[in-house]
């Protein structure tokens, strides 16, 4: 399918960055000396102009990020996240940074071509003051972070992750017809839940009676990514689908057309055509890469959750841009670990993660209708 819904804000955030290779981890030195310091951490600081560049650059490629960064909880969350990227870049070895330079010139050329050919992108770039040199730095930094994590993942960790979720990694071939309840381009309601279910049940009856998948998918399916192929999705890891669709792909008997499955997109009529049952040693390179990404994501999340706060010395956002606890105090101009108390801080962090999760999930929902 064209769309996939990620189940974790950190996971989705990291996969998006790896895919686009565009998430910012700007240099502390890029800000002017008179810039207000928004965050101080052990080993460095983040200035206002630096963080604004980070926000402006990432917003050009992720409109949901641009929306959620306006929320106080989300802004503080993303500021801390950015500090984390800077810390990890500093921890990376020279070998990591050198390896991240591969393909750098080609990427910058592609970026410059995109700016030249896209008036809207050029306007956004000019307004943000972003130059090719900034993009070069951003690219190298995010790839360096990936290289750093790759170096810190063992084969035993990869095998353990695969064995823990073997059915989610082993690929399947499925056919499905989606009867959508929402318009994928606008998010508006397309049809009532009851209407969608009735259509899905009618489609299942037609298929059970020997109806042609290609003809019925062409007529009824709202999934533009598979309807012209008879609803076929080939060689796909169930982990990349939303939970309800994933569970159907994993558990539904092969060759049987199941009852309509409801997801956030609507109702799916699904038939599992085949399912792998491979051991870790037998999986393809792309599956192993998926396993590695999930191990890296877990390590990234653990770092952000368990270690980062202890490295941040202060957060100095304006009061209307910081998360507040139940007593109305904020984290601005205070020590990050002691500003609001552990319980309130944990609540703020959880809320920020929910906001980030909403942003990434909503963004994903705009591209693929079954996953």
Protein backbone atom coordinates (compact mmCIF):
# COMPACT_ATOMS: atom_id res chain seq x y z
CA UNK A 1 0.00 0.00 0.00
CA UNK A 2 0.99 3.59 -0.28
CA UNK A 3 0.38 4.34 3.43
CA UNK A 4 1.60 2.84 6.67
CA UNK A 5 0.59 3.71 10.21
CA UNK A 6 3.34 3.60 12.77
CA UNK A 7 2.57 2.45 16.26
CA UNK A 8 5.15 4.51 18.16
CA UNK A 9 5.92 8.21 17.97
CA UNK A 10 9.66 7.59 18.36
CA UNK A 11 9.52 4.73 15.90
CA UNK A 12 7.64 6.68 13.29
CA UNK A 13 9.77 9.79 13.83
CA UNK A 14 12.98 7.80 13.34
CA UNK A 15 11.70 5.91 10.28
CA UNK A 16 10.61 9.10 8.64
CA UNK A 17 14.00 10.67 9.23
CA UNK A 18 15.77 7.60 7.86
CA UNK A 19 13.55 7.59 4.77
CA UNK A 20 13.90 11.28 3.93
CA UNK A 21 17.35 11.77 5.44
CA UNK A 22 16.27 15.32 6.17
CA UNK A 23 15.66 15.68 9.90
CA UNK A 24 17.72 18.44 11.43
CA UNK A 25 20.42 18.18 14.08
CA UNK A 26 21.89 21.67 13.57
CA UNK A 27 25.24 22.86 14.91
CA UNK A 28 25.25 24.85 18.13
CA UNK A 29 27.60 27.32 16.47
CA UNK A 30 25.03 28.30 13.86
CA UNK A 31 23.33 30.77 16.20
CA UNK A 32 24.52 34.26 16.94
CA UNK A 33 26.05 34.98 20.34
CA UNK A 34 23.16 37.22 21.29
CA UNK A 35 20.60 34.46 20.67
CA UNK A 36 18.52 33.46 23.62
CA UNK A 37 19.52 30.05 24.95
CA UNK A 38 16.44 27.81 24.92
CA UNK A 39 18.11 24.70 26.30
CA UNK A 40 21.35 23.98 28.10
CA UNK A 41 22.69 20.46 28.46
CA UNK A 42 25.89 18.78 29.52
CA UNK A 43 28.20 19.59 26.64
CA UNK A 44 26.31 22.31 24.85
CA UNK A 45 23.25 24.49 24.34
CA UNK A 46 20.48 25.22 21.84
CA UNK A 47 19.82 28.82 20.86
CA UNK A 48 16.55 30.27 19.66
CA UNK A 49 17.69 30.84 16.07
CA UNK A 50 19.15 27.36 15.92
CA UNK A 51 15.94 25.73 17.09
CA UNK A 52 13.89 27.91 14.76
CA UNK A 53 15.98 26.62 11.86
CA UNK A 54 15.34 23.08 13.02
CA UNK A 55 11.60 23.74 13.20
CA UNK A 56 11.45 25.58 9.87
CA UNK A 57 13.42 22.95 8.01
CA UNK A 58 11.55 19.94 9.36
CA UNK A 59 8.21 21.71 8.89
CA UNK A 60 8.84 22.01 5.15
CA UNK A 61 8.80 18.24 4.87
CA UNK A 62 6.24 17.41 7.55
CA UNK A 63 3.16 19.60 7.73
CA UNK A 64 1.80 17.72 10.76
CA UNK A 65 5.00 18.56 12.63
CA UNK A 66 4.41 22.21 11.71
CA UNK A 67 0.97 22.00 13.26
CA UNK A 68 1.86 20.13 16.45
CA UNK A 69 4.95 22.22 17.17
CA UNK A 70 2.53 25.02 18.08
CA UNK A 71 1.28 23.05 21.10
CA UNK A 72 3.17 23.95 24.30
CA UNK A 73 3.71 20.33 25.32
CA UNK A 74 4.84 19.38 21.83
CA UNK A 75 7.24 22.31 21.48
CA UNK A 76 9.03 21.43 24.70
CA UNK A 77 9.02 17.78 23.68
CA UNK A 78 10.59 18.52 20.29
CA UNK A 79 13.15 20.84 21.84
CA UNK A 80 14.27 18.04 24.14
CA UNK A 81 14.25 15.64 21.21
CA UNK A 82 16.53 17.98 19.30
CA UNK A 83 18.92 18.13 22.25
CA UNK A 84 18.99 14.34 22.12
CA UNK A 85 20.01 14.37 18.46
CA UNK A 86 22.85 16.75 19.22
CA UNK A 87 24.07 14.58 22.09
CA UNK A 88 24.05 11.47 19.92
CA UNK A 89 25.86 13.21 17.08
CA UNK A 90 28.59 14.27 19.52
CA UNK A 91 28.90 10.69 20.74
CA UNK A 92 29.35 9.29 17.25
CA UNK A 93 32.82 8.24 16.17
CA UNK A 94 34.86 9.74 13.35
CA UNK A 95 34.17 6.56 11.39
CA UNK A 96 30.41 7.10 11.81
CA UNK A 97 30.68 10.65 10.55
CA UNK A 98 32.92 9.72 7.64
CA UNK A 99 30.53 6.94 6.60
CA UNK A 100 27.66 9.43 6.71
CA UNK A 101 29.42 11.54 4.08
CA UNK A 102 28.80 8.95 1.38
CA UNK A 103 26.23 10.23 -1.09
CA UNK A 104 26.27 13.67 0.51
CA UNK A 105 27.06 15.59 -2.68
CA UNK A 106 24.31 13.78 -4.62
CA UNK A 107 21.78 14.53 -1.91
CA UNK A 108 22.61 18.23 -1.86
CA UNK A 109 22.32 18.39 -5.66
CA UNK A 110 18.90 16.75 -5.51
CA UNK A 111 17.83 19.21 -2.85
CA UNK A 112 19.03 22.20 -4.88
CA UNK A 113 17.17 20.89 -7.93
CA UNK A 114 13.99 20.50 -5.90
CA UNK A 115 14.26 24.06 -4.61
CA UNK A 116 14.88 25.37 -8.12
CA UNK A 117 11.87 23.53 -9.56
CA UNK A 118 9.45 24.16 -6.70
CA UNK A 119 8.46 27.78 -6.08
CA UNK A 120 6.72 26.98 -2.79
CA UNK A 121 9.74 25.10 -1.46
CA UNK A 122 12.06 27.91 -2.58
CA UNK A 123 9.93 30.47 -0.76
CA UNK A 124 9.95 28.43 2.44
CA UNK A 125 13.69 27.90 2.17
CA UNK A 126 14.37 31.59 1.64
CA UNK A 127 12.12 32.62 4.53
CA UNK A 128 13.87 30.19 6.86
CA UNK A 129 17.31 31.34 5.74
CA UNK A 130 18.33 27.77 4.98
CA UNK A 131 21.26 27.30 2.65
CA UNK A 132 22.75 24.28 0.93
CA UNK A 133 25.48 24.24 3.56
CA UNK A 134 22.82 23.82 6.27
CA UNK A 135 21.19 20.98 4.38
CA UNK A 136 24.58 19.32 3.95
CA UNK A 137 25.11 19.49 7.71
CA UNK A 138 21.61 18.24 8.50
CA UNK A 139 21.96 15.27 6.17
CA UNK A 140 25.31 14.21 7.55
CA UNK A 141 24.12 14.53 11.13
CA UNK A 142 21.03 12.36 10.85
CA UNK A 143 22.85 9.69 8.87
CA UNK A 144 25.63 9.79 11.44
CA UNK A 145 23.10 9.07 14.19
CA UNK A 146 21.88 6.06 12.22
CA UNK A 147 25.46 4.82 11.81
CA UNK A 148 26.06 5.31 15.52
CA UNK A 149 23.12 3.10 16.43
CA UNK A 150 24.00 0.48 13.83
CA UNK A 151 27.42 0.16 15.43
CA UNK A 152 25.77 -0.34 18.83
CA UNK A 153 23.44 -3.17 17.81
CA UNK A 154 24.57 -6.80 18.17
CA UNK A 155 23.56 -9.83 16.16
CA UNK A 156 22.13 -11.39 19.32
CA UNK A 157 19.86 -8.36 19.79
CA UNK A 158 18.64 -8.65 16.21
CA UNK A 159 17.85 -12.34 16.57
CA UNK A 160 16.07 -11.76 19.88
CA UNK A 161 13.90 -9.03 18.32
CA UNK A 162 13.00 -11.25 15.36
CA UNK A 163 12.16 -14.27 17.53
CA UNK A 164 9.99 -12.08 19.77
CA UNK A 165 7.81 -11.03 16.83
CA UNK A 166 8.46 -13.64 14.16
CA UNK A 167 4.98 -13.56 12.62
CA UNK A 168 5.15 -9.79 12.31
CA UNK A 169 8.36 -9.92 10.29
CA UNK A 170 7.66 -12.93 8.08
CA UNK A 171 6.16 -11.63 4.85
CA UNK A 172 2.66 -12.31 3.60
CA UNK A 173 0.74 -11.93 0.36
CA UNK A 174 -2.82 -10.69 0.86
CA UNK A 175 -5.70 -9.38 -1.18
CA UNK A 176 -8.05 -6.80 0.25
CA UNK A 177 -10.86 -4.48 -0.74
CA UNK A 178 -11.24 -1.36 1.37
CA UNK A 179 -14.59 0.30 1.88
CA UNK A 180 -13.45 3.58 3.39
CA UNK A 181 -15.28 5.58 6.02
CA UNK A 182 -13.15 8.67 5.47
CA UNK A 183 -11.76 10.59 2.52
CA UNK A 184 -8.03 9.87 2.50
CA UNK A 185 -7.13 13.21 0.94
CA UNK A 186 -9.11 15.41 3.32
CA UNK A 187 -9.86 13.30 6.40
CA UNK A 188 -13.56 14.13 6.04
CA UNK A 189 -16.22 11.47 6.48
CA UNK A 190 -16.76 9.55 3.24
CA UNK A 191 -19.64 7.33 4.38
CA UNK A 192 -21.26 6.22 7.61
CA UNK A 193 -19.85 3.21 9.45
CA UNK A 194 -23.02 1.21 8.93
CA UNK A 195 -23.02 1.90 5.19
CA UNK A 196 -19.38 0.90 4.83
CA UNK A 197 -19.93 -2.35 6.73
CA UNK A 198 -22.97 -3.22 4.59
CA UNK A 199 -21.01 -2.68 1.38
CA UNK A 200 -18.09 -4.73 2.71
CA UNK A 201 -20.43 -7.59 3.62
CA UNK A 202 -21.99 -7.47 0.14
CA UNK A 203 -18.53 -7.55 -1.45
CA UNK A 204 -17.58 -10.56 0.67
CA UNK A 205 -20.75 -12.36 -0.47
CA UNK A 206 -19.88 -11.69 -4.10
CA UNK A 207 -16.34 -13.03 -3.58
CA UNK A 208 -17.61 -16.11 -1.73
CA UNK A 209 -19.90 -16.77 -4.69
CA UNK A 210 -16.91 -16.80 -7.04
CA UNK A 211 -16.70 -13.12 -7.89
CA UNK A 212 -13.55 -11.84 -9.57
CA UNK A 213 -11.16 -10.02 -7.21
CA UNK A 214 -9.85 -7.72 -9.93
CA UNK A 215 -13.30 -6.65 -11.08
CA UNK A 216 -14.66 -6.17 -7.57
CA UNK A 217 -11.56 -4.33 -6.34
CA UNK A 218 -11.73 -2.00 -9.33
CA UNK A 219 -15.42 -1.31 -8.67
CA UNK A 220 -15.48 -1.05 -4.88
CA UNK A 221 -12.03 -0.58 -3.31
CA UNK A 222 -11.02 2.84 -2.01
CA UNK A 223 -7.38 1.79 -1.76
CA UNK A 224 -5.83 3.38 -4.84
CA UNK A 225 -2.55 1.57 -4.22
CA UNK A 226 -3.94 -1.93 -4.78
CA UNK A 227 -7.36 -1.71 -6.45
CA UNK A 228 -5.95 -1.98 -9.98
CA UNK A 229 -4.02 -5.11 -8.99
CA UNK A 230 -7.07 -6.96 -7.72
CA UNK A 231 -6.37 -5.77 -4.17
CA UNK A 232 -3.05 -7.64 -4.08
CA UNK A 233 -0.32 -6.62 -1.64
CA UNK A 234 2.77 -8.78 -2.11
CA UNK A 235 5.72 -9.61 0.13
CA UNK A 236 4.81 -7.30 2.99
CA UNK A 237 5.70 -7.57 6.66
CA UNK A 238 2.56 -7.37 8.84
CA UNK A 239 4.40 -5.15 11.33
CA UNK A 240 3.99 -2.29 8.87
CA UNK A 241 0.21 -2.40 8.99
CA UNK A 242 -2.22 -1.03 11.54
CA UNK A 243 -2.91 -3.54 14.31
CA UNK A 244 -6.28 -4.84 13.11
CA UNK A 245 -5.03 -5.45 9.57
CA UNK A 246 -1.81 -6.95 10.93
CA UNK A 247 -3.65 -9.43 13.12
CA UNK A 248 -5.84 -10.53 10.22
CA UNK A 249 -2.77 -11.06 8.04
CA UNK A 250 -1.12 -13.12 10.79
CA UNK A 251 -4.05 -15.21 12.01
CA UNK A 252 -6.58 -15.52 9.20
CA UNK A 253 -6.53 -18.99 7.55
CA UNK A 254 -4.75 -19.01 4.21
CA UNK A 255 -7.12 -19.02 1.25
CA UNK A 256 -10.16 -18.00 3.30
CA UNK A 257 -12.01 -14.72 2.79
CA UNK A 258 -12.53 -13.41 6.30
CA UNK A 259 -15.29 -11.29 7.77
CA UNK A 260 -14.81 -7.54 7.19
CA UNK A 261 -12.06 -6.11 9.39
CA UNK A 262 -12.54 -2.61 10.76
CA UNK A 263 -9.58 -0.19 10.95
CA UNK A 264 -9.34 3.57 11.23
CA UNK A 265 -9.68 3.71 7.43
CA UNK A 266 -12.88 1.70 7.12
CA UNK A 267 -13.73 -1.96 6.49
CA UNK A 268 -11.40 -4.39 4.73
CA UNK A 269 -12.38 -7.64 3.05
CA UNK A 270 -9.20 -9.72 3.31
CA UNK A 271 -7.88 -12.95 1.88
CA UNK A 272 -4.42 -14.20 2.94
CA UNK A 273 -2.84 -15.92 -0.05
CA UNK A 274 0.48 -17.00 1.46
CA UNK A 275 2.55 -16.55 4.59
CA UNK A 276 6.28 -17.08 5.21
CA UNK A 277 7.59 -19.11 8.12
CA UNK A 278 11.31 -18.36 8.08
CA UNK A 279 13.93 -18.49 10.79
CA UNK A 280 16.11 -15.45 11.50
CA UNK A 281 18.99 -16.98 9.55
CA UNK A 282 16.77 -17.31 6.48
CA UNK A 283 15.22 -13.86 6.25
CA UNK A 284 15.93 -11.52 3.35
CA UNK A 285 18.17 -8.47 3.67
CA UNK A 286 15.26 -6.02 3.66
CA UNK A 287 13.53 -7.91 6.48
CA UNK A 288 16.74 -7.90 8.49
CA UNK A 289 16.94 -4.16 7.90
CA UNK A 290 13.42 -3.81 9.34
CA UNK A 291 14.49 -5.81 12.40
CA UNK A 292 17.55 -3.61 12.81
CA UNK A 293 15.47 -0.44 12.53
CA UNK A 294 13.14 -1.62 15.28
CA UNK A 295 16.04 -2.50 17.59
CA UNK A 296 17.58 0.91 16.90
CA UNK A 297 14.24 2.60 17.53
CA UNK A 298 13.91 0.85 20.88
CA UNK A 299 17.42 1.98 21.85
CA UNK A 300 16.64 5.51 20.71
CA UNK A 301 13.44 5.55 22.74
CA UNK A 302 15.24 4.21 25.80
CA UNK A 303 17.86 6.94 25.48
CA UNK A 304 15.26 9.68 25.09
CA UNK A 305 13.15 8.35 27.96
CA UNK A 306 15.75 7.20 30.49
CA UNK A 307 18.90 9.22 29.89
CA UNK A 308 18.16 12.49 28.13
CA UNK A 309 16.46 14.31 31.02
CA UNK A 310 19.52 13.73 33.18
CA UNK A 311 21.66 15.50 30.58
CA UNK A 312 19.43 18.57 30.19
CA UNK A 313 20.32 21.33 32.64
CA UNK A 314 17.65 23.88 31.76
CA UNK A 315 14.75 24.59 29.42
CA UNK A 316 14.07 28.27 28.79
CA UNK A 317 11.02 28.50 26.54
CA UNK A 318 8.55 31.38 26.96
CA UNK A 319 5.85 30.49 29.50
CA UNK A 320 3.17 30.00 26.84
CA UNK A 321 5.43 27.52 25.04
CA UNK A 322 6.20 25.18 27.92
CA UNK A 323 4.26 22.32 29.46
CA UNK A 324 2.65 23.10 32.81
CA UNK A 325 1.95 20.83 35.76
CA UNK A 326 -1.19 20.74 37.89
CA UNK A 327 -0.01 23.69 40.01
CA UNK A 328 0.60 25.90 36.99
CA UNK A 329 4.41 25.97 37.18
CA UNK A 330 6.46 25.56 34.03
CA UNK A 331 9.79 24.16 32.99
CA UNK A 332 11.04 27.48 31.72
CA UNK A 333 14.23 28.92 33.21
CA UNK A 334 14.53 25.92 35.53
CA UNK A 335 16.39 22.68 35.84
CA UNK A 336 14.69 20.19 33.51
CA UNK A 337 14.76 17.34 35.98
CA UNK A 338 13.34 19.26 38.92
CA UNK A 339 11.08 21.90 37.43
CA UNK A 340 7.72 20.32 38.14
CA UNK A 341 8.40 17.18 40.14
CA UNK A 342 8.85 13.68 38.77
CA UNK A 343 5.14 12.83 38.55
CA UNK A 344 4.12 16.02 36.76
CA UNK A 345 7.14 15.85 34.49
CA UNK A 346 6.33 12.28 33.55
CA UNK A 347 2.79 13.39 32.78
CA UNK A 348 4.05 16.23 30.58
CA UNK A 349 6.39 13.90 28.73
CA UNK A 350 3.60 11.39 28.18
CA UNK A 351 1.29 14.11 26.86
CA UNK A 352 3.99 15.37 24.52
CA UNK A 353 4.55 11.86 23.25
CA UNK A 354 0.82 11.50 22.66
CA UNK A 355 0.86 14.74 20.67
CA UNK A 356 3.80 13.51 18.63
CA UNK A 357 2.10 10.17 18.14
CA UNK A 358 -1.04 11.90 16.91
CA UNK A 359 1.00 13.98 14.52
CA UNK A 360 2.84 11.06 12.99
CA UNK A 361 -0.20 8.78 12.85
CA UNK A 362 -2.36 11.45 11.21
CA UNK A 363 0.39 12.20 8.75
CA UNK A 364 0.72 8.52 7.87
CA UNK A 365 -2.99 8.21 7.33
CA UNK A 366 -2.74 10.55 4.37
CA UNK A 367 -0.84 8.12 2.20
CA UNK A 368 -1.79 4.44 2.59
CA UNK A 369 -5.22 3.05 3.24
CA UNK A 370 -4.65 -0.46 4.53
CA UNK A 371 -1.57 -0.22 6.70
